[in-house]
Amino acid sequence: MANAHLTLIRIIGLVLIVAGAGLLVWGYQLSGSLSAQLTETVSGAMPDAVMQRYIAGAAGLIVGIYLLITR
């Protein structure tokens, strides 16, 4: 029973790592778009959509790695 619990936690960790990496790549691609570059040029900051994907991706990646490393 405990082994199944650890396997489930590892699967969740892997899913979070893949989803986090996907969000980071998506944010990077979005930051290269014309509208994002125009917004950054005018305001001096990246658009909110890009920052949301960066933050969510980094959080998912960190939590996923933590779940894989522990136990």
PDB file of N, CA and C in Angstrom:
ATOM      1  N   MET A   1       0.821  -1.189   0.000  1.00  0.00           N
ATOM      2  CA  MET A   1       0.000   0.000   0.000  1.00  0.00           C
ATOM      3  C   MET A   1       0.865   1.254   0.000  1.00  0.00           C
ATOM      4  N   ALA A   2       1.926   1.262   0.782  1.00  0.00           N
ATOM      5  CA  ALA A   2       2.795   2.435   0.839  1.00  0.00           C
ATOM      6  C   ALA A   2       3.543   2.614  -0.468  1.00  0.00           C
ATOM      7  N   ASN A   3       3.864   1.508  -1.130  1.00  0.00           N
ATOM      8  CA  ASN A   3       4.572   1.575  -2.399  1.00  0.00           C
ATOM      9  C   ASN A   3       3.690   2.216  -3.475  1.00  0.00           C
ATOM     10  N   ALA A   4       2.407   1.921  -3.474  1.00  0.00           N
ATOM     11  CA  ALA A   4       1.483   2.515  -4.437  1.00  0.00           C
ATOM     12  C   ALA A   4       1.349   4.012  -4.210  1.00  0.00           C
ATOM     13  N   HIS A   5       1.386   4.409  -2.936  1.00  0.00           N
ATOM     14  CA  HIS A   5       1.302   5.831  -2.598  1.00  0.00           C
ATOM     15  C   HIS A   5       2.522   6.581  -3.124  1.00  0.00           C
ATOM     16  N   LEU A   6       3.703   6.000  -2.959  1.00  0.00           N
ATOM     17  CA  LEU A   6       4.917   6.636  -3.458  1.00  0.00           C
ATOM     18  C   LEU A   6       4.926   6.703  -4.981  1.00  0.00           C
ATOM     19  N   THR A   7       4.404   5.682  -5.626  1.00  0.00           N
ATOM     20  CA  THR A   7       4.335   5.686  -7.082  1.00  0.00           C
ATOM     21  C   THR A   7       3.408   6.789  -7.575  1.00  0.00           C
ATOM     22  N   LEU A   8       2.286   6.972  -6.918  1.00  0.00           N
ATOM     23  CA  LEU A   8       1.351   8.031  -7.288  1.00  0.00           C
ATOM     24  C   LEU A   8       1.997   9.407  -7.114  1.00  0.00           C
ATOM     25  N   ILE A   9       2.725   9.595  -6.031  1.00  0.00           N
ATOM     26  CA  ILE A   9       3.397  10.873  -5.798  1.00  0.00           C
ATOM     27  C   ILE A   9       4.444  11.132  -6.877  1.00  0.00           C
ATOM     28  N   ARG A  10       5.168  10.105  -7.281  1.00  0.00           N
ATOM     29  CA  ARG A  10       6.171  10.264  -8.341  1.00  0.00           C
ATOM     30  C   ARG A  10       5.521  10.582  -9.680  1.00  0.00           C
ATOM     31  N   ILE A  11       4.386   9.965  -9.959  1.00  0.00           N
ATOM     32  CA  ILE A  11       3.680  10.257 -11.210  1.00  0.00           C
ATOM     33  C   ILE A  11       3.195  11.700 -11.216  1.00  0.00           C
ATOM     34  N   ILE A  12       2.659  12.156 -10.104  1.00  0.00           N
ATOM     35  CA  ILE A  12       2.224  13.549  -9.995  1.00  0.00           C
ATOM     36  C   ILE A  12       3.418  14.483 -10.173  1.00  0.00           C
ATOM     37  N   GLY A  13       4.553  14.133  -9.594  1.00  0.00           N
ATOM     38  CA  GLY A  13       5.758  14.935  -9.753  1.00  0.00           C
ATOM     39  C   GLY A  13       6.200  15.032 -11.200  1.00  0.00           C
ATOM     40  N   LEU A  14       6.157  13.915 -11.911  1.00  0.00           N
ATOM     41  CA  LEU A  14       6.530  13.920 -13.327  1.00  0.00           C
ATOM     42  C   LEU A  14       5.569  14.771 -14.156  1.00  0.00           C
ATOM     43  N   VAL A  15       4.281  14.661 -13.861  1.00  0.00           N
ATOM     44  CA  VAL A  15       3.291  15.462 -14.580  1.00  0.00           C
ATOM     45  C   VAL A  15       3.530  16.947 -14.329  1.00  0.00           C
ATOM     46  N   LEU A  16       3.839  17.314 -13.095  1.00  0.00           N
ATOM     47  CA  LEU A  16       4.106  18.721 -12.779  1.00  0.00           C
ATOM     48  C   LEU A  16       5.367  19.218 -13.474  1.00  0.00           C
ATOM     49  N   ILE A  17       6.379  18.377 -13.578  1.00  0.00           N
ATOM     50  CA  ILE A  17       7.605  18.783 -14.263  1.00  0.00           C
ATOM     51  C   ILE A  17       7.330  19.027 -15.746  1.00  0.00           C
ATOM     52  N   VAL A  18       6.597  18.120 -16.371  1.00  0.00           N
ATOM     53  CA  VAL A  18       6.295  18.271 -17.795  1.00  0.00           C
ATOM     54  C   VAL A  18       5.412  19.498 -18.032  1.00  0.00           C
ATOM     55  N   ALA A  19       4.403  19.681 -17.194  1.00  0.00           N
ATOM     56  CA  ALA A  19       3.512  20.833 -17.346  1.00  0.00           C
ATOM     57  C   ALA A  19       4.261  22.142 -17.077  1.00  0.00           C
ATOM     58  N   GLY A  20       5.120  22.151 -16.071  1.00  0.00           N
ATOM     59  CA  GLY A  20       5.898  23.348 -15.768  1.00  0.00           C
ATOM     60  C   GLY A  20       6.848  23.708 -16.891  1.00  0.00           C
ATOM     61  N   ALA A  21       7.516  22.711 -17.446  1.00  0.00           N
ATOM     62  CA  ALA A  21       8.420  22.974 -18.571  1.00  0.00           C
ATOM     63  C   ALA A  21       7.629  23.467 -19.778  1.00  0.00           C
ATOM     64  N   GLY A  22       6.462  22.894 -20.001  1.00  0.00           N
ATOM     65  CA  GLY A  22       5.615  23.344 -21.104  1.00  0.00           C
ATOM     66  C   GLY A  22       5.184  24.793 -20.945  1.00  0.00           C
ATOM     67  N   LEU A  23       4.814  25.170 -19.728  1.00  0.00           N
ATOM     68  CA  LEU A  23       4.418  26.558 -19.478  1.00  0.00           C
ATOM     69  C   LEU A  23       5.595  27.518 -19.656  1.00  0.00           C
ATOM     70  N   LEU A  24       6.779  27.098 -19.246  1.00  0.00           N
ATOM     71  CA  LEU A  24       7.957  27.951 -19.435  1.00  0.00           C
ATOM     72  C   LEU A  24       8.256  28.160 -20.916  1.00  0.00           C
ATOM     73  N   VAL A  25       8.170  27.100 -21.691  1.00  0.00           N
ATOM     74  CA  VAL A  25       8.410  27.215 -23.133  1.00  0.00           C
ATOM     75  C   VAL A  25       7.331  28.083 -23.781  1.00  0.00           C
ATOM     76  N   TRP A  26       6.080  27.879 -23.376  1.00  0.00           N
ATOM     77  CA  TRP A  26       4.978  28.669 -23.918  1.00  0.00           C
ATOM     78  C   TRP A  26       5.178  30.157 -23.591  1.00  0.00           C
ATOM     79  N   GLY A  27       5.578  30.454 -22.368  1.00  0.00           N
ATOM     80  CA  GLY A  27       5.845  31.839 -21.993  1.00  0.00           C
ATOM     81  C   GLY A  27       6.992  32.443 -22.789  1.00  0.00           C
ATOM     82  N   TYR A  28       8.023  31.647 -23.017  1.00  0.00           N
ATOM     83  CA  TYR A  28       9.163  32.126 -23.809  1.00  0.00           C
ATOM     84  C   TYR A  28       8.738  32.432 -25.244  1.00  0.00           C
ATOM     85  N   GLN A  29       7.938  31.548 -25.828  1.00  0.00           N
ATOM     86  CA  GLN A  29       7.459  31.784 -27.191  1.00  0.00           C
ATOM     87  C   GLN A  29       6.529  32.998 -27.248  1.00  0.00           C
ATOM     88  N   LEU A  30       5.715  33.150 -26.224  1.00  0.00           N
ATOM     89  CA  LEU A  30       4.807  34.288 -26.174  1.00  0.00           C
ATOM     90  C   LEU A  30       5.565  35.601 -26.011  1.00  0.00           C
ATOM     91  N   SER A  31       6.690  35.566 -25.310  1.00  0.00           N
ATOM     92  CA  SER A  31       7.465  36.792 -25.110  1.00  0.00           C
ATOM     93  C   SER A  31       8.108  37.281 -26.401  1.00  0.00           C
ATOM     94  N   GLY A  32       8.252  36.396 -27.376  1.00  0.00           N
ATOM     95  CA  GLY A  32       8.831  36.795 -28.653  1.00  0.00           C
ATOM     96  C   GLY A  32       7.814  37.311 -29.650  1.00  0.00           C
ATOM     97  N   SER A  33       6.540  37.321 -29.280  1.00  0.00           N
ATOM     98  CA  SER A  33       5.515  37.781 -30.212  1.00  0.00           C
ATOM     99  C   SER A  33       5.598  39.296 -30.387  1.00  0.00           C
ATOM    100  N   LEU A  34       5.052  39.766 -31.477  1.00  0.00           N
ATOM    101  CA  LEU A  34       5.102  41.191 -31.789  1.00  0.00           C
ATOM    102  C   LEU A  34       4.376  42.021 -30.736  1.00  0.00           C
ATOM    103  N   SER A  35       3.207  41.563 -30.303  1.00  0.00           N
ATOM    104  CA  SER A  35       2.448  42.339 -29.314  1.00  0.00           C
ATOM    105  C   SER A  35       3.173  42.387 -27.969  1.00  0.00           C
ATOM    106  N   ALA A  36       3.827  41.291 -27.592  1.00  0.00           N
ATOM    107  CA  ALA A  36       4.559  41.282 -26.329  1.00  0.00           C
ATOM    108  C   ALA A  36       5.774  42.208 -26.401  1.00  0.00           C
ATOM    109  N   GLN A  37       6.464  42.198 -27.525  1.00  0.00           N
ATOM    110  CA  GLN A  37       7.623  43.080 -27.665  1.00  0.00           C
ATOM    111  C   GLN A  37       7.209  44.541 -27.723  1.00  0.00           C
ATOM    112  N   LEU A  38       6.076  44.817 -28.355  1.00  0.00           N
ATOM    113  CA  LEU A  38       5.572  46.190 -28.396  1.00  0.00           C
ATOM    114  C   LEU A  38       5.182  46.659 -26.996  1.00  0.00           C
ATOM    115  N   THR A  39       4.507  45.795 -26.246  1.00  0.00           N
ATOM    116  CA  THR A  39       4.138  46.138 -24.869  1.00  0.00           C
ATOM    117  C   THR A  39       5.367  46.378 -24.021  1.00  0.00           C
ATOM    118  N   GLU A  40       6.394  45.530 -24.183  1.00  0.00           N
ATOM    119  CA  GLU A  40       7.621  45.705 -23.407  1.00  0.00           C
ATOM    120  C   GLU A  40       8.342  46.987 -23.799  1.00  0.00           C
ATOM    121  N   THR A  41       8.309  47.352 -25.067  1.00  0.00           N
ATOM    122  CA  THR A  41       8.950  48.579 -25.519  1.00  0.00           C
ATOM    123  C   THR A  41       8.246  49.800 -24.952  1.00  0.00           C
ATOM    124  N   VAL A  42       6.930  49.796 -24.961  1.00  0.00           N
ATOM    125  CA  VAL A  42       6.163  50.956 -24.498  1.00  0.00           C
ATOM    126  C   VAL A  42       6.187  51.072 -22.981  1.00  0.00           C
ATOM    127  N   SER A  43       5.944  49.972 -22.279  1.00  0.00           N
ATOM    128  CA  SER A  43       5.801  50.048 -20.818  1.00  0.00           C
ATOM    129  C   SER A  43       7.090  49.723 -20.068  1.00  0.00           C
ATOM    130  N   GLY A  44       8.009  49.019 -20.709  1.00  0.00           N
ATOM    131  CA  GLY A  44       9.243  48.632 -20.040  1.00  0.00           C
ATOM    132  C   GLY A  44       9.128  47.342 -19.254  1.00  0.00           C
ATOM    133  N   ALA A  45       7.959  46.727 -19.283  1.00  0.00           N
ATOM    134  CA  ALA A  45       7.751  45.474 -18.551  1.00  0.00           C
ATOM    135  C   ALA A  45       7.131  44.445 -19.483  1.00  0.00           C
ATOM    136  N   MET A  46       7.353  43.172 -19.152  1.00  0.00           N
ATOM    137  CA  MET A  46       6.746  42.112 -19.950  1.00  0.00           C
ATOM    138  C   MET A  46       5.244  42.074 -19.697  1.00  0.00           C
ATOM    139  N   PRO A  47       4.477  41.614 -20.684  1.00  0.00           N
ATOM    140  CA  PRO A  47       3.019  41.495 -20.486  1.00  0.00           C
ATOM    141  C   PRO A  47       2.688  40.517 -19.354  1.00  0.00           C
ATOM    142  N   ASP A  48       1.524  40.716 -18.767  1.00  0.00           N
ATOM    143  CA  ASP A  48       1.101  39.869 -17.650  1.00  0.00           C
ATOM    144  C   ASP A  48       0.980  38.397 -18.047  1.00  0.00           C
ATOM    145  N   ALA A  49       0.520  38.134 -19.268  1.00  0.00           N
ATOM    146  CA  ALA A  49       0.348  36.750 -19.713  1.00  0.00           C
ATOM    147  C   ALA A  49       1.685  36.012 -19.721  1.00  0.00           C
ATOM    148  N   VAL A  50       2.742  36.683 -20.126  1.00  0.00           N
ATOM    149  CA  VAL A  50       4.071  36.064 -20.151  1.00  0.00           C
ATOM    150  C   VAL A  50       4.544  35.784 -18.726  1.00  0.00           C
ATOM    151  N   MET A  51       4.398  36.764 -17.852  1.00  0.00           N
ATOM    152  CA  MET A  51       4.848  36.588 -16.468  1.00  0.00           C
ATOM    153  C   MET A  51       4.045  35.509 -15.751  1.00  0.00           C
ATOM    154  N   GLN A  52       2.753  35.410 -16.023  1.00  0.00           N
ATOM    155  CA  GLN A  52       1.939  34.372 -15.399  1.00  0.00           C
ATOM    156  C   GLN A  52       2.420  32.986 -15.810  1.00  0.00           C
ATOM    157  N   ARG A  53       2.760  32.824 -17.072  1.00  0.00           N
ATOM    158  CA  ARG A  53       3.245  31.521 -17.534  1.00  0.00           C
ATOM    159  C   ARG A  53       4.623  31.204 -16.965  1.00  0.00           C
ATOM    160  N   TYR A  54       5.483  32.215 -16.867  1.00  0.00           N
ATOM    161  CA  TYR A  54       6.802  31.996 -16.261  1.00  0.00           C
ATOM    162  C   TYR A  54       6.671  31.572 -14.797  1.00  0.00           C
ATOM    163  N   ILE A  55       5.843  32.269 -14.053  1.00  0.00           N
ATOM    164  CA  ILE A  55       5.692  31.980 -12.627  1.00  0.00           C
ATOM    165  C   ILE A  55       5.039  30.610 -12.413  1.00  0.00           C
ATOM    166  N   ALA A  56       3.959  30.321 -13.150  1.00  0.00           N
ATOM    167  CA  ALA A  56       3.291  29.030 -13.001  1.00  0.00           C
ATOM    168  C   ALA A  56       4.200  27.885 -13.440  1.00  0.00           C
ATOM    169  N   GLY A  57       4.961  28.093 -14.502  1.00  0.00           N
ATOM    170  CA  GLY A  57       5.881  27.065 -14.977  1.00  0.00           C
ATOM    171  C   GLY A  57       6.991  26.785 -13.979  1.00  0.00           C
ATOM    172  N   ALA A  58       7.557  27.841 -13.426  1.00  0.00           N
ATOM    173  CA  ALA A  58       8.623  27.665 -12.440  1.00  0.00           C
ATOM    174  C   ALA A  58       8.095  26.978 -11.183  1.00  0.00           C
ATOM    175  N   ALA A  59       6.908  27.361 -10.743  1.00  0.00           N
ATOM    176  CA  ALA A  59       6.320  26.740  -9.552  1.00  0.00           C
ATOM    177  C   ALA A  59       6.051  25.258  -9.794  1.00  0.00           C
ATOM    178  N   GLY A  60       5.481  24.934 -10.943  1.00  0.00           N
ATOM    179  CA  GLY A  60       5.217  23.531 -11.260  1.00  0.00           C
ATOM    180  C   GLY A  60       6.486  22.714 -11.353  1.00  0.00           C
ATOM    181  N   LEU A  61       7.509  23.286 -11.956  1.00  0.00           N
ATOM    182  CA  LEU A  61       8.788  22.599 -12.079  1.00  0.00           C
ATOM    183  C   LEU A  61       9.416  22.346 -10.713  1.00  0.00           C
ATOM    184  N   ILE A  62       9.406  23.334  -9.852  1.00  0.00           N
ATOM    185  CA  ILE A  62      10.011  23.201  -8.516  1.00  0.00           C
ATOM    186  C   ILE A  62       9.252  22.180  -7.672  1.00  0.00           C
ATOM    187  N   VAL A  63       7.924  22.255  -7.671  1.00  0.00           N
ATOM    188  CA  VAL A  63       7.136  21.309  -6.882  1.00  0.00           C
ATOM    189  C   VAL A  63       7.302  19.890  -7.423  1.00  0.00           C
ATOM    190  N   GLY A  64       7.331  19.754  -8.741  1.00  0.00           N
ATOM    191  CA  GLY A  64       7.528  18.433  -9.347  1.00  0.00           C
ATOM    192  C   GLY A  64       8.862  17.822  -8.984  1.00  0.00           C
ATOM    193  N   ILE A  65       9.916  18.623  -9.027  1.00  0.00           N
ATOM    194  CA  ILE A  65      11.250  18.119  -8.639  1.00  0.00           C
ATOM    195  C   ILE A  65      11.260  17.754  -7.170  1.00  0.00           C
ATOM    196  N   TYR A  66      10.623  18.563  -6.339  1.00  0.00           N
ATOM    197  CA  TYR A  66      10.557  18.268  -4.916  1.00  0.00           C
ATOM    198  C   TYR A  66       9.849  16.936  -4.654  1.00  0.00           C
ATOM    199  N   LEU A  67       8.741  16.694  -5.367  1.00  0.00           N
ATOM    200  CA  LEU A  67       8.011  15.445  -5.178  1.00  0.00           C
ATOM    201  C   LEU A  67       8.814  14.241  -5.637  1.00  0.00           C
ATOM    202  N   LEU A  68       9.641  14.409  -6.664  1.00  0.00           N
ATOM    203  CA  LEU A  68      10.463  13.291  -7.125  1.00  0.00           C
ATOM    204  C   LEU A  68      11.634  13.006  -6.180  1.00  0.00           C
ATOM    205  N   ILE A  69      12.184  14.048  -5.606  1.00  0.00           N
ATOM    206  CA  ILE A  69      13.386  13.883  -4.761  1.00  0.00           C
ATOM    207  C   ILE A  69      13.048  13.343  -3.377  1.00  0.00           C
ATOM    208  N   THR A  70      11.952  13.798  -2.800  1.00  0.00           N
ATOM    209  CA  THR A  70      11.628  13.382  -1.433  1.00  0.00           C
ATOM    210  C   THR A  70      11.187  11.929  -1.402  1.00  0.00           C
ATOM    211  N   ARG A  71      11.511  11.278  -0.337  1.00  0.00           N
ATOM    212  CA  ARG A  71      11.192   9.874  -0.036  1.00  0.00           C
ATOM    213  C   ARG A  71      11.903   9.017  -0.974  1.00  0.00           C
TER     214      ARG A  71
END
